[in-house]
Amino acid sequence: MKTSTLTVLRSVLLAPVMLVAALAHAQGQSTEDAIQKRLRERIPEIGRIDEVRKTSMPGLYEVRVDGNELFYADAKGDFLIRGELFDTKKRANLTQQRANALNAIDWKELPLKDAFILRKGKGQQQMAVFEDPNCGFCKRLEKELQALDNVTIHIFLYPVLGPDSVRKSQAIWCAKDRAQAWETWMQQGKEPDATSCDTTAIERNLEFGRKQKISGTPTLVFVNGTRIPGYVSHKQIEEALKP
């Protein structure tokens, strides 16, 4: 009796989804296209809808907007949800998993020539960090980086906090020992002597960051493509460095 009731209930819940799919097919468009069309008509300010696709929850569709912003909609496009989707059986945050995949940065695409290196121990592992010299959370992160071992850290100067950040970044880039100049400033607040050199690498960093939608500092990138925005502890970094 219980199984029969559940079967009937499931059929009742899925019937509207199946009906919408059938109507969309009859009109020569997929359910995903129908949702996208309806949302564009009803909420033109939503932005550029890049993709609509099924989720693992029956009747719920992911709506990806402007590259990596995630919403969820029903099969009719009558309701739109902003929030996180959890799989309770797997104890997994599906929204976070999807966001991580969308925000991943291909390590091979990183312009490493436009960064300088901090090497801890043998430096066998690798990671990259986009940082602004005037960023308070970057200075806190610096203390965590000092606690790491056996890692090569590629520092990308990413001055997004104003003209003074640009000036300091240029001075650090033009220093004879960039790594030492960076650590001296971040740890002791002592600026390197101002010298002139080719600083177009910093401009390229800013251009690359804009393309990758790196909106704040620090932003950490790992060899497997994982991106972590903001301050994290050295223990979290060590966990992310694991293969």
C-alpha atoms as a PDB file:
ATOM      1  CA  MET A   1       0.000   0.000   0.000  1.00  0.00           C
ATOM      2  CA  LYS A   2       2.822   2.351   0.910  1.00  0.00           C
ATOM      3  CA  THR A   3       4.717   1.625  -2.309  1.00  0.00           C
ATOM      4  CA  SER A   4       1.581   2.147  -4.370  1.00  0.00           C
ATOM      5  CA  THR A   5       0.907   5.499  -2.702  1.00  0.00           C
ATOM      6  CA  LEU A   6       4.448   6.696  -3.390  1.00  0.00           C
ATOM      7  CA  THR A   7       4.164   5.638  -7.014  1.00  0.00           C
ATOM      8  CA  VAL A   8       0.938   7.594  -7.464  1.00  0.00           C
ATOM      9  CA  LEU A   9       2.419  10.627  -5.700  1.00  0.00           C
ATOM     10  CA  ARG A  10       5.512  10.545  -7.896  1.00  0.00           C
ATOM     11  CA  SER A  11       3.337  10.379 -11.014  1.00  0.00           C
ATOM     12  CA  VAL A  12       1.272  13.351  -9.847  1.00  0.00           C
ATOM     13  CA  LEU A  13       4.380  15.423  -9.131  1.00  0.00           C
ATOM     14  CA  LEU A  14       6.073  14.616 -12.436  1.00  0.00           C
ATOM     15  CA  ALA A  15       2.950  15.016 -14.598  1.00  0.00           C
ATOM     16  CA  PRO A  16       3.339  18.821 -15.064  1.00  0.00           C
ATOM     17  CA  VAL A  17       7.004  18.372 -15.982  1.00  0.00           C
ATOM     18  CA  MET A  18       6.144  15.720 -18.557  1.00  0.00           C
ATOM     19  CA  LEU A  19       3.334  17.880 -19.964  1.00  0.00           C
ATOM     20  CA  VAL A  20       5.620  20.889 -20.393  1.00  0.00           C
ATOM     21  CA  ALA A  21       8.223  18.717 -22.100  1.00  0.00           C
ATOM     22  CA  ALA A  22       5.607  17.299 -24.448  1.00  0.00           C
ATOM     23  CA  LEU A  23       4.291  20.762 -25.365  1.00  0.00           C
ATOM     24  CA  ALA A  24       7.814  22.081 -25.946  1.00  0.00           C
ATOM     25  CA  HIS A  25       8.588  19.127 -28.196  1.00  0.00           C
ATOM     26  CA  ALA A  26       5.374  19.699 -30.150  1.00  0.00           C
ATOM     27  CA  GLN A  27       6.427  23.312 -30.737  1.00  0.00           C
ATOM     28  CA  GLY A  28       9.822  22.194 -31.989  1.00  0.00           C
ATOM     29  CA  GLN A  29      11.830  23.343 -28.981  1.00  0.00           C
ATOM     30  CA  SER A  30      13.337  21.670 -25.953  1.00  0.00           C
ATOM     31  CA  THR A  31      12.206  22.306 -22.393  1.00  0.00           C
ATOM     32  CA  GLU A  32      15.516  24.097 -21.813  1.00  0.00           C
ATOM     33  CA  ASP A  33      14.875  26.436 -24.758  1.00  0.00           C
ATOM     34  CA  ALA A  34      11.322  27.069 -23.555  1.00  0.00           C
ATOM     35  CA  ILE A  35      12.537  28.001 -20.071  1.00  0.00           C
ATOM     36  CA  GLN A  36      15.169  30.324 -21.506  1.00  0.00           C
ATOM     37  CA  LYS A  37      12.625  32.019 -23.802  1.00  0.00           C
ATOM     38  CA  ARG A  38      10.146  32.559 -20.982  1.00  0.00           C
ATOM     39  CA  LEU A  39      12.738  33.960 -18.594  1.00  0.00           C
ATOM     40  CA  ARG A  40      14.060  36.359 -21.222  1.00  0.00           C
ATOM     41  CA  GLU A  41      10.540  37.606 -21.894  1.00  0.00           C
ATOM     42  CA  ARG A  42       9.559  37.963 -18.257  1.00  0.00           C
ATOM     43  CA  ILE A  43      12.867  39.048 -16.707  1.00  0.00           C
ATOM     44  CA  PRO A  44      14.889  40.840 -19.408  1.00  0.00           C
ATOM     45  CA  GLU A  45      17.125  42.358 -16.715  1.00  0.00           C
ATOM     46  CA  ILE A  46      18.344  38.923 -15.634  1.00  0.00           C
ATOM     47  CA  GLY A  47      21.365  39.245 -17.909  1.00  0.00           C
ATOM     48  CA  ARG A  48      22.798  36.981 -20.575  1.00  0.00           C
ATOM     49  CA  ILE A  49      21.432  33.463 -20.189  1.00  0.00           C
ATOM     50  CA  ASP A  50      24.288  31.209 -21.292  1.00  0.00           C
ATOM     51  CA  GLU A  51      22.802  27.820 -20.563  1.00  0.00           C
ATOM     52  CA  VAL A  52      19.787  26.002 -19.169  1.00  0.00           C
ATOM     53  CA  ARG A  53      20.238  22.371 -18.208  1.00  0.00           C
ATOM     54  CA  LYS A  54      18.667  19.655 -16.080  1.00  0.00           C
ATOM     55  CA  THR A  55      19.808  19.099 -12.532  1.00  0.00           C
ATOM     56  CA  SER A  56      19.780  15.798 -10.695  1.00  0.00           C
ATOM     57  CA  MET A  57      16.529  16.896  -9.013  1.00  0.00           C
ATOM     58  CA  PRO A  58      13.495  15.976 -11.161  1.00  0.00           C
ATOM     59  CA  GLY A  59      11.741  19.026 -12.564  1.00  0.00           C
ATOM     60  CA  LEU A  60      14.476  21.468 -11.550  1.00  0.00           C
ATOM     61  CA  TYR A  61      16.682  23.180 -14.123  1.00  0.00           C
ATOM     62  CA  GLU A  62      19.923  25.099 -13.702  1.00  0.00           C
ATOM     63  CA  VAL A  63      19.991  28.537 -15.328  1.00  0.00           C
ATOM     64  CA  ARG A  64      23.513  29.865 -15.864  1.00  0.00           C
ATOM     65  CA  VAL A  65      23.702  33.632 -16.325  1.00  0.00           C
ATOM     66  CA  ASP A  66      26.615  35.865 -17.373  1.00  0.00           C
ATOM     67  CA  GLY A  67      29.179  33.108 -17.307  1.00  0.00           C
ATOM     68  CA  ASN A  68      29.009  31.675 -13.813  1.00  0.00           C
ATOM     69  CA  GLU A  69      26.002  33.005 -11.902  1.00  0.00           C
ATOM     70  CA  LEU A  70      23.619  30.164 -11.049  1.00  0.00           C
ATOM     71  CA  PHE A  71      19.835  30.152 -10.661  1.00  0.00           C
ATOM     72  CA  TYR A  72      17.270  27.357 -10.651  1.00  0.00           C
ATOM     73  CA  ALA A  73      13.904  27.223 -12.404  1.00  0.00           C
ATOM     74  CA  ASP A  74      10.945  24.901 -12.695  1.00  0.00           C
ATOM     75  CA  ALA A  75      10.122  23.237 -16.019  1.00  0.00           C
ATOM     76  CA  LYS A  76       7.731  26.034 -16.985  1.00  0.00           C
ATOM     77  CA  GLY A  77      10.009  28.908 -16.100  1.00  0.00           C
ATOM     78  CA  ASP A  78       7.313  30.243 -13.772  1.00  0.00           C
ATOM     79  CA  PHE A  79       9.571  30.207 -10.728  1.00  0.00           C
ATOM     80  CA  LEU A  80      13.182  31.237 -10.348  1.00  0.00           C
ATOM     81  CA  ILE A  81      15.313  30.365  -7.316  1.00  0.00           C
ATOM     82  CA  ARG A  82      18.612  31.853  -6.210  1.00  0.00           C
ATOM     83  CA  GLY A  83      20.317  29.643  -3.651  1.00  0.00           C
ATOM     84  CA  GLU A  84      22.242  26.433  -3.147  1.00  0.00           C
ATOM     85  CA  LEU A  85      21.156  22.927  -4.119  1.00  0.00           C
ATOM     86  CA  PHE A  86      22.210  20.087  -1.816  1.00  0.00           C
ATOM     87  CA  ASP A  87      22.198  16.370  -2.428  1.00  0.00           C
ATOM     88  CA  THR A  88      21.327  15.057   1.038  1.00  0.00           C
ATOM     89  CA  LYS A  89      22.033  11.450   0.093  1.00  0.00           C
ATOM     90  CA  LYS A  90      25.572  12.221  -1.029  1.00  0.00           C
ATOM     91  CA  ARG A  91      25.941  15.055   1.502  1.00  0.00           C
ATOM     92  CA  ALA A  92      27.159  17.266  -1.327  1.00  0.00           C
ATOM     93  CA  ASN A  93      26.655  20.932  -2.174  1.00  0.00           C
ATOM     94  CA  LEU A  94      25.842  20.613  -5.883  1.00  0.00           C
ATOM     95  CA  THR A  95      25.800  24.368  -6.420  1.00  0.00           C
ATOM     96  CA  GLN A  96      29.297  24.750  -4.986  1.00  0.00           C
ATOM     97  CA  GLN A  97      30.583  21.842  -7.057  1.00  0.00           C
ATOM     98  CA  ARG A  98      29.179  23.409 -10.212  1.00  0.00           C
ATOM     99  CA  ALA A  99      30.555  26.845  -9.312  1.00  0.00           C
ATOM    100  CA  ASN A 100      33.999  25.351  -8.722  1.00  0.00           C
ATOM    101  CA  ALA A 101      33.904  23.730 -12.164  1.00  0.00           C
ATOM    102  CA  LEU A 102      32.782  26.953 -13.854  1.00  0.00           C
ATOM    103  CA  ASN A 103      35.383  29.077 -12.059  1.00  0.00           C
ATOM    104  CA  ALA A 104      38.281  26.703 -12.644  1.00  0.00           C
ATOM    105  CA  ILE A 105      41.357  28.195 -14.302  1.00  0.00           C
ATOM    106  CA  ASP A 106      43.416  25.968 -16.575  1.00  0.00           C
ATOM    107  CA  TRP A 107      46.884  25.953 -15.034  1.00  0.00           C
ATOM    108  CA  LYS A 108      48.432  25.771 -18.504  1.00  0.00           C
ATOM    109  CA  GLU A 109      46.804  29.104 -19.356  1.00  0.00           C
ATOM    110  CA  LEU A 110      48.453  30.966 -16.481  1.00  0.00           C
ATOM    111  CA  PRO A 111      51.081  33.411 -17.834  1.00  0.00           C
ATOM    112  CA  LEU A 112      53.731  32.316 -15.329  1.00  0.00           C
ATOM    113  CA  LYS A 113      56.334  34.543 -16.959  1.00  0.00           C
ATOM    114  CA  ASP A 114      54.385  37.512 -15.583  1.00  0.00           C
ATOM    115  CA  ALA A 115      54.704  36.289 -11.995  1.00  0.00           C
ATOM    116  CA  PHE A 116      57.612  35.951  -9.575  1.00  0.00           C
ATOM    117  CA  ILE A 117      58.313  32.989  -7.334  1.00  0.00           C
ATOM    118  CA  LEU A 118      58.302  32.362  -3.601  1.00  0.00           C
ATOM    119  CA  ARG A 119      59.803  28.930  -2.934  1.00  0.00           C
ATOM    120  CA  LYS A 120      59.161  27.083   0.299  1.00  0.00           C
ATOM    121  CA  GLY A 121      61.354  24.040   0.950  1.00  0.00           C
ATOM    122  CA  LYS A 122      62.007  21.939  -2.152  1.00  0.00           C
ATOM    123  CA  GLY A 123      59.107  23.605  -3.981  1.00  0.00           C
ATOM    124  CA  GLN A 124      57.808  20.397  -5.554  1.00  0.00           C
ATOM    125  CA  GLN A 125      54.150  21.439  -5.385  1.00  0.00           C
ATOM    126  CA  GLN A 126      52.842  24.501  -7.198  1.00  0.00           C
ATOM    127  CA  MET A 127      50.197  27.140  -6.706  1.00  0.00           C
ATOM    128  CA  ALA A 128      49.552  30.720  -7.796  1.00  0.00           C
ATOM    129  CA  VAL A 129      48.154  33.750  -5.986  1.00  0.00           C
ATOM    130  CA  PHE A 130      46.808  37.012  -7.414  1.00  0.00           C
ATOM    131  CA  GLU A 131      47.518  39.750  -4.861  1.00  0.00           C
ATOM    132  CA  ASP A 132      47.321  43.493  -4.325  1.00  0.00           C
ATOM    133  CA  PRO A 133      50.106  44.973  -2.147  1.00  0.00           C
ATOM    134  CA  ASN A 134      47.567  47.111  -0.254  1.00  0.00           C
ATOM    135  CA  CYS A 135      45.173  44.235   0.397  1.00  0.00           C
ATOM    136  CA  GLY A 136      44.769  43.531   4.114  1.00  0.00           C
ATOM    137  CA  PHE A 137      43.660  39.941   3.569  1.00  0.00           C
ATOM    138  CA  CYS A 138      46.700  39.412   1.317  1.00  0.00           C
ATOM    139  CA  LYS A 139      48.933  40.442   4.213  1.00  0.00           C
ATOM    140  CA  ARG A 140      47.154  37.973   6.470  1.00  0.00           C
ATOM    141  CA  LEU A 141      47.562  35.301   3.795  1.00  0.00           C
ATOM    142  CA  GLU A 142      51.290  36.024   3.662  1.00  0.00           C
ATOM    143  CA  LYS A 143      51.639  34.712   7.211  1.00  0.00           C
ATOM    144  CA  GLU A 144      49.892  31.503   6.171  1.00  0.00           C
ATOM    145  CA  LEU A 145      52.169  31.105   3.149  1.00  0.00           C
ATOM    146  CA  GLN A 146      55.183  31.272   5.432  1.00  0.00           C
ATOM    147  CA  ALA A 147      53.919  28.138   7.193  1.00  0.00           C
ATOM    148  CA  LEU A 148      53.904  26.080   3.982  1.00  0.00           C
ATOM    149  CA  ASP A 149      56.623  23.669   2.965  1.00  0.00           C
ATOM    150  CA  ASN A 150      57.675  22.063  -0.321  1.00  0.00           C
ATOM    151  CA  VAL A 151      55.717  24.441  -2.539  1.00  0.00           C
ATOM    152  CA  THR A 152      56.516  26.900  -5.310  1.00  0.00           C
ATOM    153  CA  ILE A 153      54.198  29.926  -5.139  1.00  0.00           C
ATOM    154  CA  HIS A 154      53.752  32.062  -8.259  1.00  0.00           C
ATOM    155  CA  ILE A 155      52.818  35.589  -7.172  1.00  0.00           C
ATOM    156  CA  PHE A 156      50.851  37.637  -9.705  1.00  0.00           C
ATOM    157  CA  LEU A 157      50.814  41.330  -8.874  1.00  0.00           C
ATOM    158  CA  TYR A 158      47.174  42.335  -9.283  1.00  0.00           C
ATOM    159  CA  PRO A 159      46.722  45.972  -8.199  1.00  0.00           C
ATOM    160  CA  VAL A 160      42.961  46.525  -8.145  1.00  0.00           C
ATOM    161  CA  LEU A 161      42.673  48.823  -5.119  1.00  0.00           C
ATOM    162  CA  GLY A 162      43.770  52.067  -6.748  1.00  0.00           C
ATOM    163  CA  PRO A 163      46.745  54.061  -8.072  1.00  0.00           C
ATOM    164  CA  ASP A 164      48.881  53.525  -4.963  1.00  0.00           C
ATOM    165  CA  SER A 165      48.572  49.769  -5.437  1.00  0.00           C
ATOM    166  CA  VAL A 166      49.760  50.172  -9.012  1.00  0.00           C
ATOM    167  CA  ARG A 167      52.736  52.260  -7.854  1.00  0.00           C
ATOM    168  CA  LYS A 168      53.756  49.743  -5.199  1.00  0.00           C
ATOM    169  CA  SER A 169      53.321  46.829  -7.607  1.00  0.00           C
ATOM    170  CA  GLN A 170      55.562  48.523 -10.146  1.00  0.00           C
ATOM    171  CA  ALA A 171      58.241  49.162  -7.503  1.00  0.00           C
ATOM    172  CA  ILE A 172      58.154  45.523  -6.399  1.00  0.00           C
ATOM    173  CA  TRP A 173      58.263  44.229  -9.983  1.00  0.00           C
ATOM    174  CA  CYS A 174      61.255  46.451 -10.768  1.00  0.00           C
ATOM    175  CA  ALA A 175      63.172  45.459  -7.619  1.00  0.00           C
ATOM    176  CA  LYS A 176      66.374  43.458  -8.048  1.00  0.00           C
ATOM    177  CA  ASP A 177      64.921  40.660  -5.887  1.00  0.00           C
ATOM    178  CA  ARG A 178      61.148  40.718  -6.382  1.00  0.00           C
ATOM    179  CA  ALA A 179      60.418  37.980  -3.862  1.00  0.00           C
ATOM    180  CA  GLN A 180      62.410  39.697  -1.137  1.00  0.00           C
ATOM    181  CA  ALA A 181      60.890  43.093  -1.948  1.00  0.00           C
ATOM    182  CA  TRP A 182      57.408  41.584  -1.781  1.00  0.00           C
ATOM    183  CA  GLU A 183      57.933  39.814   1.533  1.00  0.00           C
ATOM    184  CA  THR A 184      59.650  42.848   3.085  1.00  0.00           C
ATOM    185  CA  TRP A 185      56.693  45.034   2.173  1.00  0.00           C
ATOM    186  CA  MET A 186      53.982  42.541   3.136  1.00  0.00           C
ATOM    187  CA  GLN A 187      55.602  41.564   6.441  1.00  0.00           C
ATOM    188  CA  GLN A 188      57.385  44.752   7.541  1.00  0.00           C
ATOM    189  CA  GLY A 189      55.649  47.524   5.595  1.00  0.00           C
ATOM    190  CA  LYS A 190      58.917  48.686   4.038  1.00  0.00           C
ATOM    191  CA  GLU A 191      58.595  49.734   0.411  1.00  0.00           C
ATOM    192  CA  PRO A 192      61.364  48.983  -2.096  1.00  0.00           C
ATOM    193  CA  ASP A 193      63.267  51.864  -3.634  1.00  0.00           C
ATOM    194  CA  ALA A 194      61.489  53.191  -6.696  1.00  0.00           C
ATOM    195  CA  THR A 195      63.189  52.191  -9.945  1.00  0.00           C
ATOM    196  CA  SER A 196      61.933  52.042 -13.496  1.00  0.00           C
ATOM    197  CA  CYS A 197      61.602  48.996 -15.719  1.00  0.00           C
ATOM    198  CA  ASP A 198      59.150  47.349 -18.110  1.00  0.00           C
ATOM    199  CA  THR A 199      55.961  46.846 -16.065  1.00  0.00           C
ATOM    200  CA  THR A 200      53.655  45.678 -18.847  1.00  0.00           C
ATOM    201  CA  ALA A 201      53.506  42.299 -17.080  1.00  0.00           C
ATOM    202  CA  ILE A 202      51.272  43.922 -14.459  1.00  0.00           C
ATOM    203  CA  GLU A 203      48.967  45.227 -17.171  1.00  0.00           C
ATOM    204  CA  ARG A 204      48.787  41.735 -18.649  1.00  0.00           C
ATOM    205  CA  ASN A 205      47.949  40.336 -15.216  1.00  0.00           C
ATOM    206  CA  LEU A 206      45.032  42.750 -14.930  1.00  0.00           C
ATOM    207  CA  GLU A 207      43.816  41.844 -18.405  1.00  0.00           C
ATOM    208  CA  PHE A 208      44.083  38.120 -17.686  1.00  0.00           C
ATOM    209  CA  GLY A 209      42.267  38.567 -14.370  1.00  0.00           C
ATOM    210  CA  ARG A 210      39.406  40.445 -15.994  1.00  0.00           C
ATOM    211  CA  LYS A 211      38.955  37.675 -18.554  1.00  0.00           C
ATOM    212  CA  GLN A 212      38.920  35.096 -15.752  1.00  0.00           C
ATOM    213  CA  LYS A 213      36.604  37.277 -13.623  1.00  0.00           C
ATOM    214  CA  ILE A 214      39.069  37.568 -10.760  1.00  0.00           C
ATOM    215  CA  SER A 215      37.274  40.327  -8.900  1.00  0.00           C
ATOM    216  CA  GLY A 216      39.166  40.420  -5.616  1.00  0.00           C
ATOM    217  CA  THR A 217      42.407  39.629  -3.841  1.00  0.00           C
ATOM    218  CA  PRO A 218      43.792  37.348  -2.762  1.00  0.00           C
ATOM    219  CA  THR A 219      42.706  34.707  -5.282  1.00  0.00           C
ATOM    220  CA  LEU A 220      44.477  31.348  -5.127  1.00  0.00           C
ATOM    221  CA  VAL A 221      44.789  28.981  -8.092  1.00  0.00           C
ATOM    222  CA  PHE A 222      45.949  25.369  -7.922  1.00  0.00           C
ATOM    223  CA  VAL A 223      47.352  22.982 -10.528  1.00  0.00           C
ATOM    224  CA  ASN A 224      44.061  21.077 -10.784  1.00  0.00           C
ATOM    225  CA  GLY A 225      42.297  24.307 -11.754  1.00  0.00           C
ATOM    226  CA  THR A 226      40.669  24.954  -8.386  1.00  0.00           C
ATOM    227  CA  ARG A 227      40.206  28.636  -7.584  1.00  0.00           C
ATOM    228  CA  ILE A 228      39.808  29.844  -4.002  1.00  0.00           C
ATOM    229  CA  PRO A 229      38.918  33.520  -3.513  1.00  0.00           C
ATOM    230  CA  GLY A 230      39.843  35.267  -0.288  1.00  0.00           C
ATOM    231  CA  TYR A 231      41.920  34.533   2.787  1.00  0.00           C
ATOM    232  CA  VAL A 232      42.416  30.879   3.786  1.00  0.00           C
ATOM    233  CA  SER A 233      44.559  29.171   6.400  1.00  0.00           C
ATOM    234  CA  HIS A 234      47.718  27.224   5.572  1.00  0.00           C
ATOM    235  CA  LYS A 235      45.891  24.026   6.526  1.00  0.00           C
ATOM    236  CA  GLN A 236      43.227  24.735   3.894  1.00  0.00           C
ATOM    237  CA  ILE A 237      45.962  25.439   1.361  1.00  0.00           C
ATOM    238  CA  GLU A 238      47.723  22.187   2.193  1.00  0.00           C
ATOM    239  CA  GLU A 239      44.443  20.328   1.689  1.00  0.00           C
ATOM    240  CA  ALA A 240      43.941  21.993  -1.707  1.00  0.00           C
ATOM    241  CA  LEU A 241      47.499  21.093  -2.730  1.00  0.00           C
ATOM    242  CA  LYS A 242      46.829  17.372  -2.314  1.00  0.00           C
ATOM    243  CA  PRO A 243      46.671  15.549  -5.663  1.00  0.00           C
END
